[in-house]
Amino acid sequence: MLYLLIILSHLAVVLADDDKTFALKYLDQYHYISPTRSGTHDVNKAIKNFQQYFHLPVSGKLDEATVGLMKKSRCGVSDEEGGARRRRYVTVGNWGKTNLTYYVDYGDDLGKQVQDRIFYKAFQFWADVSMVTFTQVDSPKKADIKISFGYKSHDGTTGEHMCAYPFDGEGGVLAHAYFPDDGRAHFDEAERFTHESLDGTDLLWVATHEFGHSLGLEHTNIEGAVMYPYYNGYKPNMKLHSDDIAGIQSLYGAPQKTNPTKQPLTTPVCKDKLEHCPAYKNANYCSIYKEEMSYWCAKTCGLC
């Protein structure tokens, strides 16, 4: 019995040391600890800053709640810069224009058409509440925002250099994106991305969050906001929080209100929503996926 207690005590010490090592690495990775200062005082202060920012009891100790939150899956973009705590939405600038393009280098977990719909919807969340618009293009050279999937050490779309921020495998960091006007948005291929499912990781939420960074938004400490850094699972009726909306409108303005009674009665214009519809037609998608193609490639497929 005494031997068992000794073993359990030793195990508890090892686990505690593992948590401490993990927490120190975490605080450094997400910029709670200054790279030039790492003394005991600074570590305790960093823990308190983390706890205060995420509305945890402020003790300066690595308690269960603190370590537990640190171990949740999240975005790889840092929470702090230069030791300054962020509250509510924070912005780093915009693209200097409102008509943006994007390119997709598809991941392995979902079909290309499903990913197209997910990314379109993710961008549309931001477009619906601001003056910014998005168009998918067929080449990364034409794109402002370049979407790609990769494993630990990864590059991105054609022509990109190796990313300076490697992924960590399944769990942990789900994705990261660069602020304007870089445009890179990288998703960890080791994750199991899903759509409208309680299993896996909801690609729509992760994409909407990362595109917020692509547009110039940083993290918020408001848990219900899309720009909250931690992943909280699939939400069937996902929508932007008022904090997200205030942030994007501060960058690109609010959408202009129109008076529907003044709109002329015209025949709806038949057009494609994707640039690569001819390739889909050549692959016989117009017949195989008629319902989907009537939405994405109505003109090319003759489905108006």
C-alpha atoms as a PDB file:
ATOM      1  CA  MET A   1       0.000   0.000   0.000  1.00  0.00           C
ATOM      2  CA  LEU A   2       2.837   2.381   0.902  1.00  0.00           C
ATOM      3  CA  TYR A   3       4.586   1.499  -2.377  1.00  0.00           C
ATOM      4  CA  LEU A   4       1.412   2.370  -4.313  1.00  0.00           C
ATOM      5  CA  LEU A   5       1.123   5.728  -2.535  1.00  0.00           C
ATOM      6  CA  ILE A   6       4.747   6.521  -3.391  1.00  0.00           C
ATOM      7  CA  ILE A   7       4.130   5.664  -7.061  1.00  0.00           C
ATOM      8  CA  LEU A   8       0.970   7.789  -7.165  1.00  0.00           C
ATOM      9  CA  SER A   9       2.753  10.691  -5.475  1.00  0.00           C
ATOM     10  CA  HIS A  10       5.587  10.479  -7.994  1.00  0.00           C
ATOM     11  CA  LEU A  11       3.079  10.339 -10.860  1.00  0.00           C
ATOM     12  CA  ALA A  12       1.312  13.437  -9.524  1.00  0.00           C
ATOM     13  CA  VAL A  13       4.634  15.309  -9.431  1.00  0.00           C
ATOM     14  CA  VAL A  14       5.442  14.224 -13.014  1.00  0.00           C
ATOM     15  CA  LEU A  15       2.006  15.322 -14.233  1.00  0.00           C
ATOM     16  CA  ALA A  16       2.348  18.632 -12.386  1.00  0.00           C
ATOM     17  CA  ASP A  17       5.762  19.180 -13.995  1.00  0.00           C
ATOM     18  CA  ASP A  18       4.312  18.308 -17.410  1.00  0.00           C
ATOM     19  CA  ASP A  19       1.505  20.829 -16.912  1.00  0.00           C
ATOM     20  CA  LYS A  20       4.002  23.490 -15.854  1.00  0.00           C
ATOM     21  CA  THR A  21       6.200  22.855 -18.887  1.00  0.00           C
ATOM     22  CA  PHE A  22       3.162  22.933 -21.164  1.00  0.00           C
ATOM     23  CA  ALA A  23       1.834  26.130 -19.570  1.00  0.00           C
ATOM     24  CA  LEU A  24       5.162  27.965 -19.848  1.00  0.00           C
ATOM     25  CA  LYS A  25       5.425  27.026 -23.513  1.00  0.00           C
ATOM     26  CA  TYR A  26       1.811  28.095 -24.035  1.00  0.00           C
ATOM     27  CA  LEU A  27       2.273  31.488 -22.350  1.00  0.00           C
ATOM     28  CA  ASP A  28       5.334  32.121 -24.483  1.00  0.00           C
ATOM     29  CA  GLN A  29       3.687  30.940 -27.718  1.00  0.00           C
ATOM     30  CA  TYR A  30       0.675  33.215 -27.286  1.00  0.00           C
ATOM     31  CA  HIS A  31       2.771  36.206 -26.149  1.00  0.00           C
ATOM     32  CA  TYR A  32       1.797  36.419 -22.482  1.00  0.00           C
ATOM     33  CA  ILE A  33       5.489  36.237 -21.568  1.00  0.00           C
ATOM     34  CA  SER A  34       7.827  38.827 -23.033  1.00  0.00           C
ATOM     35  CA  PRO A  35      10.654  37.180 -25.052  1.00  0.00           C
ATOM     36  CA  THR A  36      13.172  39.380 -23.206  1.00  0.00           C
ATOM     37  CA  ARG A  37      11.876  38.670 -19.695  1.00  0.00           C
ATOM     38  CA  SER A  38      11.139  35.254 -18.216  1.00  0.00           C
ATOM     39  CA  GLY A  39      11.715  35.469 -14.458  1.00  0.00           C
ATOM     40  CA  THR A  40       9.379  34.028 -11.825  1.00  0.00           C
ATOM     41  CA  HIS A  41       7.669  37.385 -11.353  1.00  0.00           C
ATOM     42  CA  ASP A  42       6.971  37.657 -15.072  1.00  0.00           C
ATOM     43  CA  VAL A  43       5.588  34.101 -15.254  1.00  0.00           C
ATOM     44  CA  ASN A  44       3.221  34.740 -12.343  1.00  0.00           C
ATOM     45  CA  LYS A  45       2.139  37.998 -13.946  1.00  0.00           C
ATOM     46  CA  ALA A  46       1.594  36.220 -17.258  1.00  0.00           C
ATOM     47  CA  ILE A  47      -0.622  33.601 -15.592  1.00  0.00           C
ATOM     48  CA  LYS A  48      -2.647  36.355 -13.914  1.00  0.00           C
ATOM     49  CA  ASN A  49      -3.013  38.198 -17.225  1.00  0.00           C
ATOM     50  CA  PHE A  50      -4.244  35.008 -18.871  1.00  0.00           C
ATOM     51  CA  GLN A  51      -6.706  34.310 -16.058  1.00  0.00           C
ATOM     52  CA  GLN A  52      -8.014  37.867 -16.026  1.00  0.00           C
ATOM     53  CA  TYR A  53      -8.362  38.028 -19.802  1.00  0.00           C
ATOM     54  CA  PHE A  54     -10.421  34.824 -19.940  1.00  0.00           C
ATOM     55  CA  HIS A  55     -12.506  35.597 -16.832  1.00  0.00           C
ATOM     56  CA  LEU A  56     -10.938  32.925 -14.606  1.00  0.00           C
ATOM     57  CA  PRO A  57     -10.242  33.354 -10.864  1.00  0.00           C
ATOM     58  CA  VAL A  58      -7.026  35.406 -10.757  1.00  0.00           C
ATOM     59  CA  SER A  59      -4.560  33.506  -8.562  1.00  0.00           C
ATOM     60  CA  GLY A  60      -1.338  33.488 -10.557  1.00  0.00           C
ATOM     61  CA  LYS A  61      -1.282  29.704 -10.084  1.00  0.00           C
ATOM     62  CA  LEU A  62      -1.648  26.946 -12.654  1.00  0.00           C
ATOM     63  CA  ASP A  63      -4.888  25.574 -11.252  1.00  0.00           C
ATOM     64  CA  GLU A  64      -7.086  23.005 -12.984  1.00  0.00           C
ATOM     65  CA  ALA A  65      -9.328  25.574 -14.699  1.00  0.00           C
ATOM     66  CA  THR A  66      -6.362  27.518 -16.069  1.00  0.00           C
ATOM     67  CA  VAL A  67      -4.499  24.506 -17.459  1.00  0.00           C
ATOM     68  CA  GLY A  68      -7.772  23.036 -18.737  1.00  0.00           C
ATOM     69  CA  LEU A  69      -8.515  26.124 -20.829  1.00  0.00           C
ATOM     70  CA  MET A  70      -4.965  26.201 -22.158  1.00  0.00           C
ATOM     71  CA  LYS A  71      -5.398  22.625 -23.411  1.00  0.00           C
ATOM     72  CA  LYS A  72      -8.552  23.363 -25.426  1.00  0.00           C
ATOM     73  CA  SER A  73      -8.320  23.383 -29.218  1.00  0.00           C
ATOM     74  CA  ARG A  74      -7.913  26.894 -30.551  1.00  0.00           C
ATOM     75  CA  CYS A  75      -6.666  29.268 -33.215  1.00  0.00           C
ATOM     76  CA  GLY A  76      -2.897  29.589 -33.527  1.00  0.00           C
ATOM     77  CA  VAL A  77      -2.857  33.402 -33.675  1.00  0.00           C
ATOM     78  CA  SER A  78      -1.497  34.963 -30.466  1.00  0.00           C
ATOM     79  CA  ASP A  79      -3.729  36.646 -27.855  1.00  0.00           C
ATOM     80  CA  GLU A  80      -1.310  39.356 -26.759  1.00  0.00           C
ATOM     81  CA  GLU A  81       1.316  41.593 -28.311  1.00  0.00           C
ATOM     82  CA  GLY A  82       3.880  43.399 -26.199  1.00  0.00           C
ATOM     83  CA  GLY A  83       2.177  42.353 -22.968  1.00  0.00           C
ATOM     84  CA  ALA A  84      -0.985  44.395 -23.641  1.00  0.00           C
ATOM     85  CA  ARG A  85      -4.214  42.601 -22.755  1.00  0.00           C
ATOM     86  CA  ARG A  86      -6.914  42.761 -25.372  1.00  0.00           C
ATOM     87  CA  ARG A  87     -10.519  43.475 -24.513  1.00  0.00           C
ATOM     88  CA  ARG A  88     -13.407  43.409 -26.950  1.00  0.00           C
ATOM     89  CA  TYR A  89     -12.593  43.486 -30.626  1.00  0.00           C
ATOM     90  CA  VAL A  90      -9.185  44.746 -31.699  1.00  0.00           C
ATOM     91  CA  THR A  91      -8.127  45.515 -35.259  1.00  0.00           C
ATOM     92  CA  VAL A  92      -4.778  45.737 -37.043  1.00  0.00           C
ATOM     93  CA  GLY A  93      -5.867  47.505 -40.226  1.00  0.00           C
ATOM     94  CA  ASN A  94      -7.692  46.533 -43.389  1.00  0.00           C
ATOM     95  CA  TRP A  95      -7.012  45.791 -47.049  1.00  0.00           C
ATOM     96  CA  GLY A  96      -7.597  49.339 -48.245  1.00  0.00           C
ATOM     97  CA  LYS A  97     -10.345  48.041 -50.524  1.00  0.00           C
ATOM     98  CA  THR A  98     -13.663  46.255 -50.130  1.00  0.00           C
ATOM     99  CA  ASN A  99     -13.765  43.873 -53.120  1.00  0.00           C
ATOM    100  CA  LEU A 100     -11.591  40.887 -52.184  1.00  0.00           C
ATOM    101  CA  THR A 101     -10.788  37.634 -53.962  1.00  0.00           C
ATOM    102  CA  TYR A 102      -9.927  34.213 -52.543  1.00  0.00           C
ATOM    103  CA  TYR A 103      -8.462  30.933 -53.745  1.00  0.00           C
ATOM    104  CA  VAL A 104      -8.913  27.463 -52.222  1.00  0.00           C
ATOM    105  CA  ASP A 105      -6.306  24.697 -52.183  1.00  0.00           C
ATOM    106  CA  TYR A 106      -8.676  22.020 -50.880  1.00  0.00           C
ATOM    107  CA  GLY A 107      -8.263  19.769 -47.844  1.00  0.00           C
ATOM    108  CA  ASP A 108      -8.806  16.004 -47.755  1.00  0.00           C
ATOM    109  CA  ASP A 109     -11.699  15.605 -45.310  1.00  0.00           C
ATOM    110  CA  LEU A 110     -14.613  17.017 -47.312  1.00  0.00           C
ATOM    111  CA  GLY A 111     -15.578  17.156 -50.980  1.00  0.00           C
ATOM    112  CA  LYS A 112     -14.519  20.186 -52.999  1.00  0.00           C
ATOM    113  CA  GLN A 113     -18.087  21.359 -53.528  1.00  0.00           C
ATOM    114  CA  VAL A 114     -18.820  21.088 -49.807  1.00  0.00           C
ATOM    115  CA  GLN A 115     -15.696  23.104 -49.035  1.00  0.00           C
ATOM    116  CA  ASP A 116     -16.694  25.705 -51.635  1.00  0.00           C
ATOM    117  CA  ARG A 117     -20.072  26.115 -49.925  1.00  0.00           C
ATOM    118  CA  ILE A 118     -18.501  26.295 -46.462  1.00  0.00           C
ATOM    119  CA  PHE A 119     -15.944  28.931 -47.425  1.00  0.00           C
ATOM    120  CA  TYR A 120     -18.557  30.921 -49.331  1.00  0.00           C
ATOM    121  CA  LYS A 121     -20.798  30.924 -46.255  1.00  0.00           C
ATOM    122  CA  ALA A 122     -17.904  31.816 -43.936  1.00  0.00           C
ATOM    123  CA  PHE A 123     -17.037  34.848 -46.052  1.00  0.00           C
ATOM    124  CA  GLN A 124     -20.705  35.738 -46.368  1.00  0.00           C
ATOM    125  CA  PHE A 125     -21.047  36.059 -42.587  1.00  0.00           C
ATOM    126  CA  TRP A 126     -18.651  39.009 -42.812  1.00  0.00           C
ATOM    127  CA  ALA A 127     -20.040  40.371 -46.089  1.00  0.00           C
ATOM    128  CA  ASP A 128     -23.609  40.481 -44.766  1.00  0.00           C
ATOM    129  CA  VAL A 129     -22.699  42.960 -42.018  1.00  0.00           C
ATOM    130  CA  SER A 130     -20.142  45.147 -43.798  1.00  0.00           C
ATOM    131  CA  MET A 131     -19.224  46.702 -47.130  1.00  0.00           C
ATOM    132  CA  VAL A 132     -16.710  43.980 -48.054  1.00  0.00           C
ATOM    133  CA  THR A 133     -17.407  41.470 -50.861  1.00  0.00           C
ATOM    134  CA  PHE A 134     -15.672  38.233 -51.861  1.00  0.00           C
ATOM    135  CA  THR A 135     -15.159  36.432 -55.171  1.00  0.00           C
ATOM    136  CA  GLN A 136     -13.587  32.996 -55.575  1.00  0.00           C
ATOM    137  CA  VAL A 137     -10.885  32.815 -58.250  1.00  0.00           C
ATOM    138  CA  ASP A 138      -9.100  29.911 -59.946  1.00  0.00           C
ATOM    139  CA  SER A 139      -5.489  30.893 -59.255  1.00  0.00           C
ATOM    140  CA  PRO A 140      -3.608  31.926 -56.103  1.00  0.00           C
ATOM    141  CA  LYS A 141      -1.899  34.640 -58.157  1.00  0.00           C
ATOM    142  CA  LYS A 142      -5.289  36.346 -58.576  1.00  0.00           C
ATOM    143  CA  ALA A 143      -6.255  35.981 -54.916  1.00  0.00           C
ATOM    144  CA  ASP A 144      -6.029  38.311 -51.954  1.00  0.00           C
ATOM    145  CA  ILE A 145      -6.825  35.524 -49.472  1.00  0.00           C
ATOM    146  CA  LYS A 146      -5.153  32.158 -50.119  1.00  0.00           C
ATOM    147  CA  ILE A 147      -6.670  29.148 -48.312  1.00  0.00           C
ATOM    148  CA  SER A 148      -4.723  25.907 -47.887  1.00  0.00           C
ATOM    149  CA  PHE A 149      -4.385  22.809 -45.712  1.00  0.00           C
ATOM    150  CA  GLY A 150      -1.132  21.340 -44.428  1.00  0.00           C
ATOM    151  CA  TYR A 151       0.497  19.154 -41.804  1.00  0.00           C
ATOM    152  CA  LYS A 152       3.031  20.182 -39.150  1.00  0.00           C
ATOM    153  CA  SER A 153       5.705  21.868 -41.275  1.00  0.00           C
ATOM    154  CA  HIS A 154       3.687  23.304 -44.132  1.00  0.00           C
ATOM    155  CA  ASP A 155       3.841  25.837 -46.894  1.00  0.00           C
ATOM    156  CA  GLY A 156       0.567  26.807 -48.547  1.00  0.00           C
ATOM    157  CA  THR A 157      -0.663  27.484 -52.059  1.00  0.00           C
ATOM    158  CA  THR A 158       1.699  27.415 -55.033  1.00  0.00           C
ATOM    159  CA  GLY A 159       4.506  29.913 -54.651  1.00  0.00           C
ATOM    160  CA  GLU A 160       4.238  30.356 -50.878  1.00  0.00           C
ATOM    161  CA  HIS A 161       7.298  29.990 -48.672  1.00  0.00           C
ATOM    162  CA  MET A 162       7.393  27.526 -45.771  1.00  0.00           C
ATOM    163  CA  CYS A 163       5.182  28.842 -42.972  1.00  0.00           C
ATOM    164  CA  ALA A 164       7.055  30.027 -39.876  1.00  0.00           C
ATOM    165  CA  TYR A 165       4.393  28.561 -37.569  1.00  0.00           C
ATOM    166  CA  PRO A 166       4.233  24.724 -37.815  1.00  0.00           C
ATOM    167  CA  PHE A 167       1.091  22.918 -36.724  1.00  0.00           C
ATOM    168  CA  ASP A 168       1.067  20.496 -33.787  1.00  0.00           C
ATOM    169  CA  GLY A 169      -0.949  17.535 -35.083  1.00  0.00           C
ATOM    170  CA  GLU A 170      -4.525  16.666 -34.126  1.00  0.00           C
ATOM    171  CA  GLY A 171      -5.963  18.891 -31.384  1.00  0.00           C
ATOM    172  CA  GLY A 172      -4.256  22.007 -30.092  1.00  0.00           C
ATOM    173  CA  VAL A 173      -3.902  24.531 -32.912  1.00  0.00           C
ATOM    174  CA  LEU A 174      -6.624  24.105 -35.548  1.00  0.00           C
ATOM    175  CA  ALA A 175      -5.600  26.816 -38.003  1.00  0.00           C
ATOM    176  CA  HIS A 176      -4.020  30.241 -38.303  1.00  0.00           C
ATOM    177  CA  ALA A 177      -4.277  33.185 -40.665  1.00  0.00           C
ATOM    178  CA  TYR A 178      -2.197  36.238 -41.445  1.00  0.00           C
ATOM    179  CA  PHE A 179      -3.460  39.810 -41.196  1.00  0.00           C
ATOM    180  CA  PRO A 180      -3.854  42.171 -44.193  1.00  0.00           C
ATOM    181  CA  ASP A 181      -2.407  42.373 -46.638  1.00  0.00           C
ATOM    182  CA  ASP A 182      -0.665  39.001 -46.407  1.00  0.00           C
ATOM    183  CA  GLY A 183      -3.747  36.861 -47.005  1.00  0.00           C
ATOM    184  CA  ARG A 184      -2.506  33.378 -46.093  1.00  0.00           C
ATOM    185  CA  ALA A 185      -5.027  31.197 -44.227  1.00  0.00           C
ATOM    186  CA  HIS A 186      -3.696  27.774 -43.198  1.00  0.00           C
ATOM    187  CA  PHE A 187      -5.740  24.870 -41.796  1.00  0.00           C
ATOM    188  CA  ASP A 188      -4.188  21.894 -39.976  1.00  0.00           C
ATOM    189  CA  GLU A 189      -4.739  18.827 -42.181  1.00  0.00           C
ATOM    190  CA  ALA A 190      -4.247  16.596 -39.121  1.00  0.00           C
ATOM    191  CA  GLU A 191      -7.633  17.743 -37.783  1.00  0.00           C
ATOM    192  CA  ARG A 192     -10.801  15.921 -38.853  1.00  0.00           C
ATOM    193  CA  PHE A 193     -12.807  18.771 -40.325  1.00  0.00           C
ATOM    194  CA  THR A 194     -16.536  18.151 -40.645  1.00  0.00           C
ATOM    195  CA  HIS A 195     -19.679  19.929 -41.796  1.00  0.00           C
ATOM    196  CA  GLU A 196     -22.946  20.129 -39.845  1.00  0.00           C
ATOM    197  CA  SER A 197     -21.827  17.401 -37.449  1.00  0.00           C
ATOM    198  CA  LEU A 198     -21.175  17.119 -33.723  1.00  0.00           C
ATOM    199  CA  ASP A 199     -18.211  14.876 -34.530  1.00  0.00           C
ATOM    200  CA  GLY A 200     -14.845  16.238 -35.570  1.00  0.00           C
ATOM    201  CA  THR A 201     -14.113  19.958 -35.913  1.00  0.00           C
ATOM    202  CA  ASP A 202     -16.628  22.223 -37.616  1.00  0.00           C
ATOM    203  CA  LEU A 203     -14.864  23.730 -40.630  1.00  0.00           C
ATOM    204  CA  LEU A 204     -17.416  26.539 -40.944  1.00  0.00           C
ATOM    205  CA  TRP A 205     -16.637  27.972 -37.496  1.00  0.00           C
ATOM    206  CA  VAL A 206     -12.863  27.648 -37.930  1.00  0.00           C
ATOM    207  CA  ALA A 207     -12.995  29.245 -41.389  1.00  0.00           C
ATOM    208  CA  THR A 208     -15.200  32.139 -40.266  1.00  0.00           C
ATOM    209  CA  HIS A 209     -12.820  32.799 -37.363  1.00  0.00           C
ATOM    210  CA  GLU A 210      -9.682  32.660 -39.507  1.00  0.00           C
ATOM    211  CA  PHE A 211     -11.185  34.891 -42.193  1.00  0.00           C
ATOM    212  CA  GLY A 212     -11.831  37.417 -39.438  1.00  0.00           C
ATOM    213  CA  HIS A 213      -8.049  37.531 -38.997  1.00  0.00           C
ATOM    214  CA  SER A 214      -7.576  37.717 -42.776  1.00  0.00           C
ATOM    215  CA  LEU A 215      -9.770  40.829 -42.728  1.00  0.00           C
ATOM    216  CA  GLY A 216      -7.855  42.486 -39.884  1.00  0.00           C
ATOM    217  CA  LEU A 217      -9.589  41.374 -36.678  1.00  0.00           C
ATOM    218  CA  GLU A 218      -7.670  40.080 -33.671  1.00  0.00           C
ATOM    219  CA  HIS A 219      -8.990  37.940 -30.814  1.00  0.00           C
ATOM    220  CA  THR A 220     -11.640  38.966 -28.310  1.00  0.00           C
ATOM    221  CA  ASN A 221     -12.207  37.625 -24.795  1.00  0.00           C
ATOM    222  CA  ILE A 222     -15.984  37.484 -25.275  1.00  0.00           C
ATOM    223  CA  GLU A 223     -16.779  33.772 -25.270  1.00  0.00           C
ATOM    224  CA  GLY A 224     -19.837  33.940 -27.523  1.00  0.00           C
ATOM    225  CA  ALA A 225     -17.983  35.812 -30.272  1.00  0.00           C
ATOM    226  CA  VAL A 226     -16.616  34.117 -33.384  1.00  0.00           C
ATOM    227  CA  MET A 227     -13.273  35.846 -32.755  1.00  0.00           C
ATOM    228  CA  TYR A 228     -12.934  34.140 -29.348  1.00  0.00           C
ATOM    229  CA  PRO A 229      -9.772  32.027 -29.769  1.00  0.00           C
ATOM    230  CA  TYR A 230     -11.059  28.710 -28.386  1.00  0.00           C
ATOM    231  CA  TYR A 231     -13.156  26.184 -30.286  1.00  0.00           C
ATOM    232  CA  ASN A 232     -16.429  25.426 -28.498  1.00  0.00           C
ATOM    233  CA  GLY A 233     -17.939  22.842 -30.834  1.00  0.00           C
ATOM    234  CA  TYR A 234     -20.448  22.771 -33.666  1.00  0.00           C
ATOM    235  CA  LYS A 235     -23.331  25.234 -33.407  1.00  0.00           C
ATOM    236  CA  PRO A 236     -26.249  24.558 -35.811  1.00  0.00           C
ATOM    237  CA  ASN A 237     -27.375  28.191 -35.833  1.00  0.00           C
ATOM    238  CA  MET A 238     -23.990  29.865 -35.846  1.00  0.00           C
ATOM    239  CA  LYS A 239     -23.967  33.629 -36.241  1.00  0.00           C
ATOM    240  CA  LEU A 240     -21.710  36.585 -35.572  1.00  0.00           C
ATOM    241  CA  HIS A 241     -21.726  38.235 -32.147  1.00  0.00           C
ATOM    242  CA  SER A 242     -22.335  41.978 -31.865  1.00  0.00           C
ATOM    243  CA  ASP A 243     -18.641  42.289 -30.937  1.00  0.00           C
ATOM    244  CA  ASP A 244     -17.619  40.630 -34.221  1.00  0.00           C
ATOM    245  CA  ILE A 245     -19.962  42.919 -36.147  1.00  0.00           C
ATOM    246  CA  ALA A 246     -18.671  46.065 -34.445  1.00  0.00           C
ATOM    247  CA  GLY A 247     -15.111  45.013 -35.260  1.00  0.00           C
ATOM    248  CA  ILE A 248     -15.650  44.315 -38.953  1.00  0.00           C
ATOM    249  CA  GLN A 249     -17.696  47.483 -39.418  1.00  0.00           C
ATOM    250  CA  SER A 250     -14.916  49.540 -37.847  1.00  0.00           C
ATOM    251  CA  LEU A 251     -12.673  48.250 -40.645  1.00  0.00           C
ATOM    252  CA  TYR A 252     -14.954  48.202 -43.691  1.00  0.00           C
ATOM    253  CA  GLY A 253     -18.052  50.147 -42.746  1.00  0.00           C
ATOM    254  CA  ALA A 254     -21.657  49.045 -42.282  1.00  0.00           C
ATOM    255  CA  PRO A 255     -23.661  47.815 -45.284  1.00  0.00           C
ATOM    256  CA  GLN A 256     -25.643  50.496 -47.057  1.00  0.00           C
ATOM    257  CA  LYS A 257     -29.350  50.357 -46.440  1.00  0.00           C
ATOM    258  CA  THR A 258     -31.520  50.110 -49.528  1.00  0.00           C
ATOM    259  CA  ASN A 259     -35.176  50.900 -49.993  1.00  0.00           C
ATOM    260  CA  PRO A 260     -36.764  47.837 -51.615  1.00  0.00           C
ATOM    261  CA  THR A 261     -39.676  49.917 -52.942  1.00  0.00           C
ATOM    262  CA  LYS A 262     -37.250  51.830 -55.170  1.00  0.00           C
ATOM    263  CA  GLN A 263     -35.726  48.743 -56.755  1.00  0.00           C
ATOM    264  CA  PRO A 264     -36.785  48.334 -60.414  1.00  0.00           C
ATOM    265  CA  LEU A 265     -38.531  45.130 -61.382  1.00  0.00           C
ATOM    266  CA  THR A 266     -36.055  43.279 -63.571  1.00  0.00           C
ATOM    267  CA  THR A 267     -35.532  39.729 -64.707  1.00  0.00           C
ATOM    268  CA  PRO A 268     -32.969  37.991 -62.453  1.00  0.00           C
ATOM    269  CA  VAL A 269     -29.538  37.835 -64.078  1.00  0.00           C
ATOM    270  CA  CYS A 270     -28.370  34.315 -64.854  1.00  0.00           C
ATOM    271  CA  LYS A 271     -24.718  34.054 -63.843  1.00  0.00           C
ATOM    272  CA  ASP A 272     -22.118  31.747 -62.314  1.00  0.00           C
ATOM    273  CA  LYS A 273     -20.875  32.138 -58.757  1.00  0.00           C
ATOM    274  CA  LEU A 274     -17.552  30.384 -59.433  1.00  0.00           C
ATOM    275  CA  GLU A 275     -14.859  31.053 -62.027  1.00  0.00           C
ATOM    276  CA  HIS A 276     -14.085  27.395 -62.720  1.00  0.00           C
ATOM    277  CA  CYS A 277     -17.602  26.358 -63.806  1.00  0.00           C
ATOM    278  CA  PRO A 278     -16.425  25.363 -67.337  1.00  0.00           C
ATOM    279  CA  ALA A 279     -14.117  22.772 -65.772  1.00  0.00           C
ATOM    280  CA  TYR A 280     -17.011  21.409 -63.709  1.00  0.00           C
ATOM    281  CA  LYS A 281     -19.119  21.194 -66.862  1.00  0.00           C
ATOM    282  CA  ASN A 282     -16.377  19.270 -68.676  1.00  0.00           C
ATOM    283  CA  ALA A 283     -16.300  16.847 -65.733  1.00  0.00           C
ATOM    284  CA  ASN A 284     -20.063  16.277 -66.226  1.00  0.00           C
ATOM    285  CA  TYR A 285     -20.875  17.843 -62.835  1.00  0.00           C
ATOM    286  CA  CYS A 286     -23.851  19.651 -64.398  1.00  0.00           C
ATOM    287  CA  SER A 287     -25.618  16.306 -64.703  1.00  0.00           C
ATOM    288  CA  ILE A 288     -24.160  14.450 -61.725  1.00  0.00           C
ATOM    289  CA  TYR A 289     -24.667  17.297 -59.230  1.00  0.00           C
ATOM    290  CA  LYS A 290     -27.514  19.115 -60.930  1.00  0.00           C
ATOM    291  CA  GLU A 291     -29.006  20.666 -57.778  1.00  0.00           C
ATOM    292  CA  GLU A 292     -25.686  22.059 -56.538  1.00  0.00           C
ATOM    293  CA  MET A 293     -24.620  23.247 -59.978  1.00  0.00           C
ATOM    294  CA  SER A 294     -27.920  25.102 -60.472  1.00  0.00           C
ATOM    295  CA  TYR A 295     -26.742  27.332 -57.633  1.00  0.00           C
ATOM    296  CA  TRP A 296     -23.002  27.610 -58.324  1.00  0.00           C
ATOM    297  CA  CYS A 297     -22.796  27.363 -62.152  1.00  0.00           C
ATOM    298  CA  ALA A 298     -26.303  28.135 -63.396  1.00  0.00           C
ATOM    299  CA  LYS A 299     -25.204  29.973 -66.568  1.00  0.00           C
ATOM    300  CA  THR A 300     -22.536  27.504 -67.716  1.00  0.00           C
ATOM    301  CA  CYS A 301     -24.749  24.492 -67.006  1.00  0.00           C
ATOM    302  CA  GLY A 302     -27.831  26.072 -68.590  1.00  0.00           C
ATOM    303  CA  LEU A 303     -29.811  25.680 -65.367  1.00  0.00           C
ATOM    304  CA  CYS A 304     -31.206  29.211 -64.979  1.00  0.00           C
END
